[in-house]
Amino acid sequence: MVEHDALSATREAYDDVAPTYAQLFRDTLHDSPLDRAILGAFAEVVRASGNSRVADLGCGPGHVTAHLHELGLDAFGVDVSPVMIDLARQAYPGLRFDVGSMAASDTADSALGGVLARWSIIHTPPQEVPAVLAEFHRVLTSGGHLLIGFSASDGSSHATQAFDHAVATAYRWWPDHLAATLRNSGFAEVARMVREPQPTDRRQFKEVHLLARKTGSANPSADDGTMPAE
């Protein structure tokens, strides 16, 4: 199956580069005030809901999970890569980290106040993203919040675009198309943040965060306006 192949390839690729990845990215939030701002807003709305339990899905070496914990959330991390999870447990022994898939969680229905998927859905083939969003919808409590980070495609005519990610095959989304997919999955967009690429960035992609709230039942049969990945 396509999703099985993609998941296996992603797991193996991140296992291979995990120590290098952790070294490169563990401190990136220190130099990213806009990322800290949107994570702070996410933490605030989740805390206000009365359910501070949050899953950081695709947590990598655990630095963002730890940041969410510092913001007052009961955060735990999940990643498909066992090596990444080992590194996260070593770096943050007081936090919970589990090996697992975003598309199939052991979390109970409506158990979470928030879900963070920061540059983790990018390795999911676009046709499989609605199933992942349905899982996010299942584990979130009514009114719970989802924050998704991803890179933008080149324009509205490109719903999704594959790109040469350094680790594993990845996909960019046009923000309006992903927002439509969220709506069809039972979420309402609350806010979005778009960061223009810096001159020194290796890839000149816009970086996007979409903040959404669980509102109702998913409608996976609805037309979300997406097109096949390029």
Protein backbone atom coordinates (compact mmCIF):
# COMPACT_ATOMS: atom_id res chain seq x y z
CA MET A 1 0.00 0.00 0.00
CA VAL A 2 1.17 3.55 -0.73
CA GLU A 3 0.77 4.80 2.83
CA HIS A 4 2.63 1.77 4.24
CA ASP A 5 5.52 2.30 1.83
CA ALA A 6 5.68 6.02 2.63
CA LEU A 7 5.56 5.39 6.38
CA SER A 8 8.28 2.73 6.23
CA ALA A 9 10.50 4.90 4.04
CA THR A 10 10.06 7.88 6.36
CA ARG A 11 10.82 5.79 9.46
CA GLU A 12 13.98 4.32 7.98
CA ALA A 13 15.19 7.67 6.64
CA TYR A 14 14.76 9.47 9.96
CA ASP A 15 16.31 6.60 11.89
CA ASP A 16 19.40 7.00 9.71
CA VAL A 17 19.77 10.77 10.25
CA ALA A 18 18.33 11.14 13.76
CA PRO A 19 21.53 12.14 15.63
CA THR A 20 22.47 14.72 12.98
CA TYR A 21 18.90 16.02 12.79
CA ALA A 22 18.71 16.42 16.57
CA GLN A 23 21.96 18.34 16.62
CA LEU A 24 20.87 20.68 13.81
CA PHE A 25 17.31 21.42 14.92
CA ARG A 26 17.15 21.07 18.71
CA ASP A 27 17.77 24.80 19.30
CA THR A 28 15.97 26.26 16.27
CA LEU A 29 13.14 27.81 18.32
CA HIS A 30 15.67 30.09 20.04
CA ASP A 31 16.12 31.99 16.77
CA SER A 32 12.49 31.79 15.62
CA PRO A 33 10.37 34.40 17.42
CA LEU A 34 7.44 33.96 15.02
CA ASP A 35 7.35 30.21 15.60
CA ARG A 36 7.47 30.78 19.35
CA ALA A 37 4.60 33.26 18.98
CA ILE A 38 2.27 30.87 17.18
CA LEU A 39 3.17 28.06 19.58
CA GLY A 40 2.43 30.44 22.43
CA ALA A 41 -0.97 31.31 20.97
CA PHE A 42 -1.71 27.61 20.51
CA ALA A 43 -0.77 26.92 24.13
CA GLU A 44 -2.97 29.77 25.35
CA VAL A 45 -6.13 28.65 23.53
CA VAL A 46 -5.57 25.05 24.60
CA ARG A 47 -5.12 26.03 28.26
CA ALA A 48 -8.25 28.18 28.04
CA SER A 49 -10.27 25.14 26.98
CA GLY A 50 -9.65 23.45 30.32
CA ASN A 51 -7.96 20.41 28.75
CA SER A 52 -4.21 20.97 28.54
CA ARG A 53 -3.36 17.47 27.27
CA VAL A 54 -1.53 17.85 23.92
CA ALA A 55 0.08 15.40 21.50
CA ASP A 56 3.09 16.60 19.49
CA LEU A 57 2.79 14.27 16.49
CA GLY A 58 6.02 13.90 14.57
CA CYS A 59 7.94 15.20 17.56
CA GLY A 60 11.43 14.30 16.31
CA PRO A 61 14.06 14.82 19.04
CA GLY A 62 11.46 16.31 21.39
CA HIS A 63 12.51 19.96 21.61
CA VAL A 64 9.09 21.33 20.65
CA THR A 65 7.33 18.94 23.03
CA ALA A 66 9.56 20.29 25.79
CA HIS A 67 8.73 23.86 24.76
CA LEU A 68 5.00 23.11 24.97
CA HIS A 69 5.57 21.68 28.44
CA GLU A 70 7.32 24.91 29.45
CA LEU A 71 4.24 26.79 28.19
CA GLY A 72 2.09 24.96 30.72
CA LEU A 73 0.74 22.13 28.60
CA ASP A 74 0.59 18.46 29.53
CA ALA A 75 2.45 17.56 26.34
CA PHE A 76 3.72 14.24 25.07
CA GLY A 77 5.50 13.38 21.83
CA VAL A 78 4.92 10.71 19.20
CA ASP A 79 7.20 9.89 16.28
CA VAL A 80 7.45 7.09 13.75
CA SER A 81 11.23 6.88 14.22
CA PRO A 82 12.36 4.77 17.19
CA VAL A 83 15.79 6.40 17.09
CA MET A 84 14.24 9.86 17.32
CA ILE A 85 12.16 8.73 20.29
CA ASP A 86 15.25 7.34 22.02
CA LEU A 87 17.00 10.69 21.58
CA ALA A 88 13.95 12.58 22.88
CA ARG A 89 13.75 10.36 25.97
CA GLN A 90 17.44 10.91 26.67
CA ALA A 91 17.19 14.69 26.27
CA TYR A 92 13.93 15.13 28.20
CA PRO A 93 13.62 12.20 30.65
CA GLY A 94 10.74 13.80 32.51
CA LEU A 95 8.44 13.80 29.49
CA ARG A 96 6.58 11.03 27.70
CA PHE A 97 7.61 9.99 24.19
CA ASP A 98 6.10 7.11 22.21
CA VAL A 99 6.85 5.42 18.90
CA GLY A 100 3.74 5.61 16.75
CA SER A 101 1.95 6.77 13.62
CA MET A 102 -0.10 9.93 13.24
CA ALA A 103 -2.73 7.95 11.32
CA ALA A 104 -3.28 5.33 14.03
CA SER A 105 -3.02 6.45 17.64
CA ASP A 106 -3.55 4.61 20.91
CA THR A 107 -5.15 7.78 22.33
CA ALA A 108 -8.78 7.51 23.40
CA ASP A 109 -11.55 9.37 21.60
CA SER A 110 -11.87 13.06 22.54
CA ALA A 111 -8.99 12.80 25.03
CA LEU A 112 -6.86 15.75 23.93
CA GLY A 113 -7.21 19.50 24.15
CA GLY A 114 -4.66 20.02 21.39
CA VAL A 115 -2.72 18.36 18.59
CA LEU A 116 0.46 19.76 17.09
CA ALA A 117 1.64 18.50 13.69
CA ARG A 118 4.61 20.70 12.90
CA TRP A 119 6.21 19.78 9.57
CA SER A 120 5.11 16.19 10.08
CA ILE A 121 2.21 15.78 7.63
CA ILE A 122 4.59 16.82 4.84
CA HIS A 123 5.75 13.22 4.40
CA THR A 124 2.18 11.91 4.06
CA PRO A 125 1.04 11.45 0.43
CA PRO A 126 -1.63 14.12 -0.15
CA GLN A 127 -4.37 11.57 -0.86
CA GLU A 128 -3.78 10.10 2.61
CA VAL A 129 -3.90 13.40 4.52
CA PRO A 130 -7.72 13.34 5.05
CA ALA A 131 -7.35 10.03 6.90
CA VAL A 132 -4.68 11.57 9.13
CA LEU A 133 -6.90 14.58 9.81
CA ALA A 134 -9.75 12.22 10.68
CA GLU A 135 -7.49 10.68 13.34
CA PHE A 136 -6.65 14.15 14.70
CA HIS A 137 -10.39 14.86 14.81
CA ARG A 138 -11.07 11.62 16.69
CA VAL A 139 -8.56 12.23 19.49
CA LEU A 140 -9.44 15.90 20.02
CA THR A 141 -12.13 16.96 22.44
CA SER A 142 -14.99 19.09 21.12
CA GLY A 143 -13.56 22.56 20.58
CA GLY A 144 -9.99 21.25 20.79
CA HIS A 145 -7.31 22.92 18.70
CA LEU A 146 -5.01 21.67 15.96
CA LEU A 147 -1.86 23.49 14.81
CA ILE A 148 -0.30 22.34 11.53
CA GLY A 149 3.01 23.61 10.14
CA PHE A 150 4.05 23.07 6.52
CA SER A 151 5.71 24.69 3.51
CA ALA A 152 3.56 26.44 0.90
CA SER A 153 3.37 25.40 -2.74
CA ASP A 154 4.10 27.91 -5.49
CA GLY A 155 0.54 29.17 -5.97
CA SER A 156 -3.17 28.35 -5.94
CA SER A 157 -2.83 26.34 -9.15
CA HIS A 158 -0.57 23.92 -7.25
CA ALA A 159 -2.70 22.28 -4.57
CA THR A 160 0.28 20.16 -3.59
CA GLN A 161 3.83 19.82 -4.86
CA ALA A 162 6.40 17.15 -4.12
CA PHE A 163 9.87 18.47 -3.32
CA ASP A 164 13.35 17.13 -2.69
CA HIS A 165 13.32 17.03 1.09
CA ALA A 166 16.75 16.13 2.46
CA VAL A 167 15.43 13.11 4.41
CA ALA A 168 12.34 11.64 2.71
CA THR A 169 9.84 12.47 -0.02
CA ALA A 170 7.76 15.45 1.09
CA TYR A 171 4.93 17.64 -0.14
CA ARG A 172 4.08 21.32 -0.03
CA TRP A 173 0.47 22.56 0.13
CA TRP A 174 -1.21 25.74 -0.99
CA PRO A 175 -2.66 27.06 2.32
CA ASP A 176 -6.21 27.55 1.06
CA HIS A 177 -6.34 23.96 -0.19
CA LEU A 178 -5.17 22.55 3.13
CA ALA A 179 -7.64 24.83 4.92
CA ALA A 180 -10.42 23.38 2.72
CA THR A 181 -9.29 19.86 3.59
CA LEU A 182 -9.43 20.83 7.26
CA ARG A 183 -13.00 22.12 6.85
CA ASN A 184 -14.05 18.86 5.22
CA SER A 185 -12.46 17.04 8.15
CA GLY A 186 -14.54 18.84 10.77
CA PHE A 187 -12.26 21.79 11.60
CA ALA A 188 -12.73 25.54 11.40
CA GLU A 189 -9.71 27.70 10.67
CA VAL A 190 -8.97 30.10 13.51
CA ALA A 191 -5.81 31.79 12.24
CA ARG A 192 -2.83 31.35 9.96
CA MET A 193 0.71 32.63 10.03
CA VAL A 194 2.80 32.88 6.85
CA ARG A 195 6.52 33.53 7.08
CA GLU A 196 8.37 34.67 3.99
CA PRO A 197 11.63 32.86 3.24
CA GLN A 198 14.83 34.49 4.38
CA PRO A 199 17.56 35.25 1.81
CA THR A 200 19.82 32.71 3.49
CA ASP A 201 17.24 29.89 3.39
CA ARG A 202 18.29 26.99 1.18
CA ARG A 203 14.75 26.63 -0.13
CA GLN A 204 12.77 29.76 -0.88
CA PHE A 205 9.45 28.37 0.40
CA LYS A 206 6.91 30.25 2.47
CA GLU A 207 6.38 28.61 5.85
CA VAL A 208 2.79 28.34 7.06
CA HIS A 209 1.07 27.53 10.34
CA LEU A 210 -2.69 26.89 10.32
CA LEU A 211 -4.52 26.98 13.65
CA ALA A 212 -7.91 25.23 13.56
CA ARG A 213 -10.62 24.20 16.02
CA LYS A 214 -12.63 20.97 16.01
CA THR A 215 -16.21 21.94 15.24
CA GLY A 216 -18.18 18.95 14.03
CA SER A 217 -18.18 15.74 12.07
CA ALA A 218 -15.80 15.14 9.19
CA ASN A 219 -17.15 15.06 5.65
CA PRO A 220 -14.47 13.12 3.77
CA SER A 221 -16.63 12.78 0.67
CA ALA A 222 -16.76 16.53 0.12
CA ASP A 223 -14.69 18.05 -2.66
CA ASP A 224 -11.79 19.90 -1.04
CA GLY A 225 -10.50 21.30 -4.30
CA THR A 226 -7.20 19.45 -4.14
CA MET A 227 -5.44 18.04 -7.15
CA PRO A 228 -2.92 15.24 -7.53
CA ALA A 229 0.58 15.97 -6.24
CA GLU A 230 3.04 17.09 -8.88
